[in-house]
Amino acid sequence: MAELFVKVLLEYREQRRFRLHEFVLMPDHLHVLLTVGPEKTVERAAQFIKGGFSFRAGREMDFRGTFWQRGFPETRVLDETSFRSHAEYIRNNPVRAHLVASPELYPFCSACPRYHLDPAPQGLKPSAIGAILRHG
């Protein structure tokens, strides 16, 4: 299921639903650092991620349970320092949880070398909003 989740997340990125900067799928929660365009909302991005994965898990794995809590906490990242801090926090989540010794060893994390993600937004002005979605 974790592999399917990452696949869905990356497919939405490829469809340009959002720009994906960092992510980590932990056993009991998720962190995502993304940028939505001016015509999109963080809520819509979360709906794509949560709904798209739930639909695919049902269809491809015959899963009928509940994955997600209602809603999500959102943090707006408006400057480079904050962006770097959030990115580092996300990348090191598996290490802090003692799942791996180094972030790049965790297969469900943007630190894993097999993933190619979007660079940090230029300037990090208020119109280029990053958000962290966390689900537990």
N, C-alpha and C. Protein backbone atom coordinates (compact mmCIF):
# COMPACT_ATOMS: atom_id res chain seq x y z
N MET A 1 0.82 -1.19 0.00
CA MET A 1 0.00 0.00 0.00
C MET A 1 0.86 1.26 0.00
N ALA A 2 1.98 1.22 0.71
CA ALA A 2 2.86 2.40 0.74
C ALA A 2 3.39 2.69 -0.66
N GLU A 3 3.73 1.66 -1.41
CA GLU A 3 4.21 1.87 -2.78
C GLU A 3 3.12 2.47 -3.65
N LEU A 4 1.89 2.02 -3.48
CA LEU A 4 0.77 2.58 -4.23
C LEU A 4 0.57 4.04 -3.86
N PHE A 5 0.68 4.37 -2.58
CA PHE A 5 0.51 5.75 -2.17
C PHE A 5 1.53 6.65 -2.85
N VAL A 6 2.80 6.25 -2.83
CA VAL A 6 3.85 7.07 -3.45
C VAL A 6 3.59 7.19 -4.95
N LYS A 7 3.17 6.12 -5.56
CA LYS A 7 2.86 6.14 -6.99
C LYS A 7 1.75 7.16 -7.29
N VAL A 8 0.69 7.15 -6.50
CA VAL A 8 -0.41 8.09 -6.69
C VAL A 8 0.08 9.52 -6.48
N LEU A 9 0.84 9.75 -5.43
CA LEU A 9 1.37 11.08 -5.13
C LEU A 9 2.19 11.61 -6.31
N LEU A 10 3.07 10.78 -6.83
CA LEU A 10 3.93 11.19 -7.94
C LEU A 10 3.15 11.37 -9.24
N GLU A 11 2.11 10.59 -9.43
CA GLU A 11 1.27 10.76 -10.63
C GLU A 11 0.57 12.12 -10.61
N TYR A 12 0.06 12.52 -9.46
CA TYR A 12 -0.57 13.84 -9.38
C TYR A 12 0.45 14.95 -9.59
N ARG A 13 1.64 14.76 -9.12
CA ARG A 13 2.70 15.73 -9.39
C ARG A 13 2.97 15.81 -10.88
N GLU A 14 3.07 14.65 -11.55
CA GLU A 14 3.31 14.63 -13.00
C GLU A 14 2.17 15.30 -13.77
N GLN A 15 0.96 15.22 -13.24
CA GLN A 15 -0.20 15.87 -13.86
C GLN A 15 -0.26 17.36 -13.54
N ARG A 16 0.72 17.83 -12.77
CA ARG A 16 0.84 19.24 -12.39
C ARG A 16 -0.32 19.74 -11.54
N ARG A 17 -0.84 18.85 -10.71
CA ARG A 17 -1.88 19.25 -9.75
C ARG A 17 -1.25 20.12 -8.66
N PHE A 18 0.06 19.89 -8.42
CA PHE A 18 0.84 20.65 -7.45
C PHE A 18 2.31 20.38 -7.74
N ARG A 19 3.17 21.21 -7.16
CA ARG A 19 4.60 20.94 -7.21
C ARG A 19 4.97 20.26 -5.90
N LEU A 20 5.67 19.17 -5.99
CA LEU A 20 6.02 18.35 -4.83
C LEU A 20 7.49 18.55 -4.50
N HIS A 21 7.75 19.03 -3.29
CA HIS A 21 9.12 19.34 -2.87
C HIS A 21 9.69 18.28 -1.93
N GLU A 22 8.89 17.81 -1.00
CA GLU A 22 9.33 16.79 -0.05
C GLU A 22 8.12 15.98 0.40
N PHE A 23 8.35 14.74 0.78
CA PHE A 23 7.29 13.93 1.38
C PHE A 23 7.91 12.82 2.20
N VAL A 24 7.14 12.34 3.14
CA VAL A 24 7.49 11.12 3.86
C VAL A 24 6.19 10.45 4.29
N LEU A 25 6.09 9.18 3.99
CA LEU A 25 4.96 8.36 4.42
C LEU A 25 5.45 7.49 5.56
N MET A 26 5.00 7.81 6.76
CA MET A 26 5.38 7.07 7.95
C MET A 26 4.32 6.01 8.23
N PRO A 27 4.58 5.07 9.15
CA PRO A 27 3.58 4.04 9.44
C PRO A 27 2.24 4.60 9.92
N ASP A 28 2.26 5.77 10.57
CA ASP A 28 0.99 6.29 11.12
C ASP A 28 0.69 7.74 10.73
N HIS A 29 1.47 8.32 9.84
CA HIS A 29 1.18 9.68 9.39
C HIS A 29 1.96 10.01 8.13
N LEU A 30 1.65 11.17 7.58
CA LEU A 30 2.23 11.63 6.33
C LEU A 30 2.62 13.09 6.46
N HIS A 31 3.75 13.47 5.86
CA HIS A 31 4.14 14.87 5.73
C HIS A 31 4.38 15.13 4.25
N VAL A 32 3.88 16.25 3.75
CA VAL A 32 4.08 16.63 2.37
C VAL A 32 4.38 18.12 2.32
N LEU A 33 5.42 18.49 1.60
CA LEU A 33 5.73 19.89 1.36
C LEU A 33 5.48 20.12 -0.13
N LEU A 34 4.49 20.94 -0.43
CA LEU A 34 4.09 21.14 -1.81
C LEU A 34 3.74 22.59 -2.06
N THR A 35 3.66 22.94 -3.32
CA THR A 35 3.25 24.27 -3.75
C THR A 35 2.07 24.11 -4.69
N VAL A 36 1.03 24.86 -4.43
CA VAL A 36 -0.11 24.88 -5.34
C VAL A 36 -0.05 26.16 -6.15
N GLY A 37 -0.61 26.13 -7.34
CA GLY A 37 -0.64 27.31 -8.19
C GLY A 37 -1.69 28.30 -7.71
N PRO A 38 -1.69 29.50 -8.28
CA PRO A 38 -2.63 30.54 -7.84
C PRO A 38 -4.09 30.17 -8.06
N GLU A 39 -4.37 29.30 -9.02
CA GLU A 39 -5.75 28.90 -9.31
C GLU A 39 -6.17 27.64 -8.53
N LYS A 40 -5.27 27.13 -7.69
CA LYS A 40 -5.56 25.90 -6.95
C LYS A 40 -5.50 26.18 -5.46
N THR A 41 -5.99 25.24 -4.67
CA THR A 41 -5.96 25.37 -3.22
C THR A 41 -5.27 24.18 -2.59
N VAL A 42 -4.78 24.37 -1.40
CA VAL A 42 -4.17 23.27 -0.65
C VAL A 42 -5.24 22.22 -0.36
N GLU A 43 -6.44 22.65 -0.07
CA GLU A 43 -7.53 21.72 0.20
C GLU A 43 -7.78 20.80 -0.99
N ARG A 44 -7.73 21.36 -2.19
CA ARG A 44 -7.94 20.55 -3.40
C ARG A 44 -6.78 19.57 -3.59
N ALA A 45 -5.57 20.00 -3.33
CA ALA A 45 -4.42 19.11 -3.42
C ALA A 45 -4.56 17.95 -2.43
N ALA A 46 -4.99 18.26 -1.21
CA ALA A 46 -5.20 17.20 -0.20
C ALA A 46 -6.30 16.25 -0.65
N GLN A 47 -7.34 16.80 -1.27
CA GLN A 47 -8.43 15.95 -1.77
C GLN A 47 -7.92 14.99 -2.86
N PHE A 48 -7.09 15.49 -3.77
CA PHE A 48 -6.50 14.62 -4.79
C PHE A 48 -5.69 13.51 -4.13
N ILE A 49 -4.83 13.88 -3.21
CA ILE A 49 -3.95 12.90 -2.58
C ILE A 49 -4.75 11.86 -1.80
N LYS A 50 -5.59 12.32 -0.90
CA LYS A 50 -6.34 11.41 -0.03
C LYS A 50 -7.37 10.60 -0.82
N GLY A 51 -8.16 11.30 -1.63
CA GLY A 51 -9.21 10.63 -2.39
C GLY A 51 -8.65 9.73 -3.47
N GLY A 52 -7.63 10.21 -4.17
CA GLY A 52 -7.03 9.41 -5.23
C GLY A 52 -6.43 8.12 -4.71
N PHE A 53 -5.73 8.22 -3.59
CA PHE A 53 -5.15 7.00 -3.01
C PHE A 53 -6.25 6.06 -2.52
N SER A 54 -7.24 6.58 -1.82
CA SER A 54 -8.32 5.72 -1.31
C SER A 54 -9.02 4.99 -2.45
N PHE A 55 -9.30 5.72 -3.53
CA PHE A 55 -9.95 5.10 -4.68
C PHE A 55 -9.09 4.00 -5.27
N ARG A 56 -7.82 4.28 -5.47
CA ARG A 56 -6.92 3.28 -6.07
C ARG A 56 -6.71 2.08 -5.16
N ALA A 57 -6.61 2.31 -3.84
CA ALA A 57 -6.45 1.18 -2.90
C ALA A 57 -7.69 0.29 -2.94
N GLY A 58 -8.86 0.89 -3.05
CA GLY A 58 -10.08 0.10 -3.16
C GLY A 58 -10.13 -0.70 -4.45
N ARG A 59 -9.80 -0.05 -5.54
CA ARG A 59 -9.87 -0.69 -6.86
C ARG A 59 -8.77 -1.71 -7.06
N GLU A 60 -7.54 -1.37 -6.69
CA GLU A 60 -6.40 -2.23 -7.00
C GLU A 60 -6.08 -3.25 -5.91
N MET A 61 -6.50 -2.97 -4.67
CA MET A 61 -6.15 -3.87 -3.57
C MET A 61 -7.38 -4.35 -2.81
N ASP A 62 -8.54 -3.99 -3.32
CA ASP A 62 -9.81 -4.38 -2.71
C ASP A 62 -9.88 -3.97 -1.24
N PHE A 63 -9.29 -2.82 -0.91
CA PHE A 63 -9.31 -2.32 0.45
C PHE A 63 -10.55 -1.49 0.66
N ARG A 64 -11.30 -1.77 1.74
CA ARG A 64 -12.55 -1.07 2.00
C ARG A 64 -12.54 -0.30 3.32
N GLY A 65 -11.39 -0.15 3.94
CA GLY A 65 -11.30 0.54 5.22
C GLY A 65 -11.12 2.03 5.07
N THR A 66 -10.85 2.68 6.19
CA THR A 66 -10.61 4.12 6.22
C THR A 66 -9.12 4.37 6.44
N PHE A 67 -8.56 5.26 5.65
CA PHE A 67 -7.15 5.60 5.78
C PHE A 67 -6.95 6.92 6.51
N TRP A 68 -7.79 7.88 6.24
CA TRP A 68 -7.50 9.27 6.58
C TRP A 68 -8.39 9.81 7.67
N GLN A 69 -7.82 10.67 8.47
CA GLN A 69 -8.63 11.46 9.41
C GLN A 69 -9.26 12.60 8.62
N ARG A 70 -10.30 13.20 9.17
CA ARG A 70 -10.93 14.35 8.51
C ARG A 70 -10.00 15.55 8.63
N GLY A 71 -9.95 16.33 7.56
CA GLY A 71 -9.16 17.55 7.58
C GLY A 71 -7.67 17.28 7.62
N PHE A 72 -6.91 18.35 7.85
CA PHE A 72 -5.46 18.25 7.96
C PHE A 72 -4.94 19.58 8.48
N PRO A 73 -3.84 19.54 9.21
CA PRO A 73 -3.21 20.79 9.62
C PRO A 73 -2.38 21.35 8.45
N GLU A 74 -2.40 22.64 8.27
CA GLU A 74 -1.68 23.29 7.18
C GLU A 74 -0.74 24.34 7.75
N THR A 75 0.48 24.34 7.25
CA THR A 75 1.45 25.36 7.62
C THR A 75 1.91 26.05 6.35
N ARG A 76 1.79 27.36 6.30
CA ARG A 76 2.26 28.11 5.13
C ARG A 76 3.74 28.43 5.31
N VAL A 77 4.49 28.16 4.27
CA VAL A 77 5.93 28.38 4.28
C VAL A 77 6.21 29.56 3.36
N LEU A 78 6.66 30.67 3.94
CA LEU A 78 6.78 31.90 3.16
C LEU A 78 8.20 32.37 2.91
N ASP A 79 9.19 31.74 3.56
CA ASP A 79 10.56 32.18 3.33
C ASP A 79 11.48 30.98 3.20
N GLU A 80 12.67 31.24 2.68
CA GLU A 80 13.63 30.17 2.41
C GLU A 80 14.06 29.42 3.66
N THR A 81 14.26 30.13 4.75
CA THR A 81 14.67 29.50 6.00
C THR A 81 13.62 28.52 6.49
N SER A 82 12.38 28.93 6.45
CA SER A 82 11.28 28.06 6.87
C SER A 82 11.17 26.85 5.94
N PHE A 83 11.32 27.08 4.65
CA PHE A 83 11.25 25.99 3.68
C PHE A 83 12.32 24.95 3.98
N ARG A 84 13.56 25.41 4.16
CA ARG A 84 14.66 24.47 4.46
C ARG A 84 14.42 23.71 5.76
N SER A 85 13.92 24.40 6.76
CA SER A 85 13.64 23.77 8.05
C SER A 85 12.57 22.69 7.92
N HIS A 86 11.49 23.00 7.21
CA HIS A 86 10.43 22.00 7.01
C HIS A 86 10.91 20.83 6.17
N ALA A 87 11.69 21.12 5.14
CA ALA A 87 12.21 20.05 4.29
C ALA A 87 13.10 19.10 5.09
N GLU A 88 13.97 19.67 5.91
CA GLU A 88 14.85 18.85 6.74
C GLU A 88 14.05 18.01 7.74
N TYR A 89 13.04 18.61 8.34
CA TYR A 89 12.19 17.88 9.28
C TYR A 89 11.53 16.68 8.59
N ILE A 90 10.99 16.90 7.40
CA ILE A 90 10.32 15.83 6.66
C ILE A 90 11.32 14.73 6.31
N ARG A 91 12.45 15.09 5.75
CA ARG A 91 13.45 14.10 5.34
C ARG A 91 13.97 13.27 6.51
N ASN A 92 14.09 13.87 7.68
CA ASN A 92 14.66 13.16 8.82
C ASN A 92 13.63 12.46 9.70
N ASN A 93 12.37 12.52 9.34
CA ASN A 93 11.33 11.86 10.13
C ASN A 93 11.59 10.37 10.33
N PRO A 94 11.95 9.61 9.30
CA PRO A 94 12.21 8.17 9.50
C PRO A 94 13.41 7.89 10.41
N VAL A 95 14.39 8.77 10.41
CA VAL A 95 15.56 8.60 11.28
C VAL A 95 15.15 8.85 12.73
N ARG A 96 14.40 9.93 12.97
CA ARG A 96 13.94 10.23 14.33
C ARG A 96 13.06 9.11 14.88
N ALA A 97 12.33 8.43 13.99
CA ALA A 97 11.47 7.32 14.41
C ALA A 97 12.22 6.00 14.50
N HIS A 98 13.54 6.03 14.27
CA HIS A 98 14.40 4.84 14.35
C HIS A 98 14.00 3.75 13.34
N LEU A 99 13.51 4.19 12.17
CA LEU A 99 13.17 3.24 11.10
C LEU A 99 14.37 2.96 10.21
N VAL A 100 15.26 3.95 10.09
CA VAL A 100 16.48 3.83 9.28
C VAL A 100 17.58 4.66 9.91
N ALA A 101 18.80 4.38 9.52
CA ALA A 101 19.94 5.14 10.05
C ALA A 101 20.17 6.44 9.27
N SER A 102 19.69 6.47 8.03
CA SER A 102 19.91 7.62 7.16
C SER A 102 18.66 7.84 6.31
N PRO A 103 18.21 9.07 6.09
CA PRO A 103 16.96 9.34 5.38
C PRO A 103 16.87 8.70 4.00
N GLU A 104 17.97 8.67 3.26
CA GLU A 104 17.91 8.13 1.90
C GLU A 104 17.67 6.62 1.86
N LEU A 105 17.77 5.95 3.00
CA LEU A 105 17.50 4.51 3.07
C LEU A 105 16.02 4.19 3.22
N TYR A 106 15.22 5.19 3.54
CA TYR A 106 13.78 4.96 3.73
C TYR A 106 13.08 5.04 2.37
N PRO A 107 12.42 3.97 1.94
CA PRO A 107 11.88 3.93 0.57
C PRO A 107 10.65 4.79 0.33
N PHE A 108 10.01 5.30 1.37
CA PHE A 108 8.78 6.07 1.20
C PHE A 108 8.98 7.52 1.61
N CYS A 109 10.10 8.07 1.15
CA CYS A 109 10.51 9.41 1.54
C CYS A 109 11.21 10.08 0.36
N SER A 110 11.02 11.38 0.23
CA SER A 110 11.65 12.12 -0.86
C SER A 110 13.17 12.10 -0.79
N ALA A 111 13.73 11.73 0.35
CA ALA A 111 15.19 11.61 0.45
C ALA A 111 15.72 10.39 -0.31
N CYS A 112 14.85 9.44 -0.58
CA CYS A 112 15.24 8.24 -1.32
C CYS A 112 15.66 8.66 -2.74
N PRO A 113 16.82 8.24 -3.20
CA PRO A 113 17.35 8.74 -4.47
C PRO A 113 16.53 8.37 -5.71
N ARG A 114 15.57 7.48 -5.59
CA ARG A 114 14.81 7.10 -6.79
C ARG A 114 13.75 8.12 -7.19
N TYR A 115 13.49 9.12 -6.34
CA TYR A 115 12.46 10.11 -6.63
C TYR A 115 13.07 11.40 -7.13
N HIS A 116 12.43 11.98 -8.12
CA HIS A 116 12.82 13.28 -8.66
C HIS A 116 11.68 14.25 -8.37
N LEU A 117 11.96 15.25 -7.57
CA LEU A 117 10.92 16.17 -7.14
C LEU A 117 11.18 17.57 -7.66
N ASP A 118 10.27 18.47 -7.33
CA ASP A 118 10.38 19.85 -7.78
C ASP A 118 11.31 20.64 -6.86
N PRO A 119 12.05 21.58 -7.44
CA PRO A 119 12.93 22.43 -6.61
C PRO A 119 12.10 23.39 -5.76
N ALA A 120 12.74 23.99 -4.80
CA ALA A 120 12.09 24.99 -3.95
C ALA A 120 11.58 26.13 -4.82
N PRO A 121 10.44 26.70 -4.46
CA PRO A 121 9.93 27.84 -5.22
C PRO A 121 10.91 29.01 -5.17
N GLN A 122 11.05 29.71 -6.27
CA GLN A 122 11.94 30.87 -6.34
C GLN A 122 11.35 32.01 -5.54
N GLY A 123 12.13 32.61 -4.67
CA GLY A 123 11.70 33.78 -3.93
C GLY A 123 10.81 33.52 -2.74
N LEU A 124 10.08 32.45 -2.75
CA LEU A 124 9.15 32.11 -1.68
C LEU A 124 8.33 33.32 -1.24
N LYS A 125 7.71 33.96 -2.19
CA LYS A 125 6.81 35.08 -1.91
C LYS A 125 5.45 34.54 -1.46
N PRO A 126 4.61 35.36 -0.85
CA PRO A 126 3.30 34.89 -0.40
C PRO A 126 2.44 34.25 -1.48
N SER A 127 2.65 34.59 -2.76
CA SER A 127 1.85 33.98 -3.82
C SER A 127 2.30 32.56 -4.16
N ALA A 128 3.48 32.17 -3.72
CA ALA A 128 3.97 30.80 -3.92
C ALA A 128 3.91 30.11 -2.57
N ILE A 129 2.79 29.51 -2.28
CA ILE A 129 2.54 28.98 -0.95
C ILE A 129 2.90 27.51 -0.89
N GLY A 130 3.71 27.15 0.09
CA GLY A 130 4.01 25.75 0.38
C GLY A 130 3.12 25.32 1.54
N ALA A 131 2.77 24.06 1.58
CA ALA A 131 1.95 23.58 2.68
C ALA A 131 2.43 22.21 3.11
N ILE A 132 2.31 21.97 4.37
CA ILE A 132 2.62 20.66 4.91
C ILE A 132 1.30 20.02 5.29
N LEU A 133 1.08 18.83 4.81
CA LEU A 133 -0.11 18.07 5.16
C LEU A 133 0.33 16.95 6.06
N ARG A 134 -0.32 16.81 7.17
CA ARG A 134 0.08 15.76 8.11
C ARG A 134 -1.17 14.98 8.48
N HIS A 135 -1.10 13.67 8.36
CA HIS A 135 -2.24 12.82 8.68
C HIS A 135 -1.78 11.76 9.68
N GLY A 136 -2.58 11.51 10.65
CA GLY A 136 -2.23 10.49 11.64
C GLY A 136 -3.38 9.61 11.91
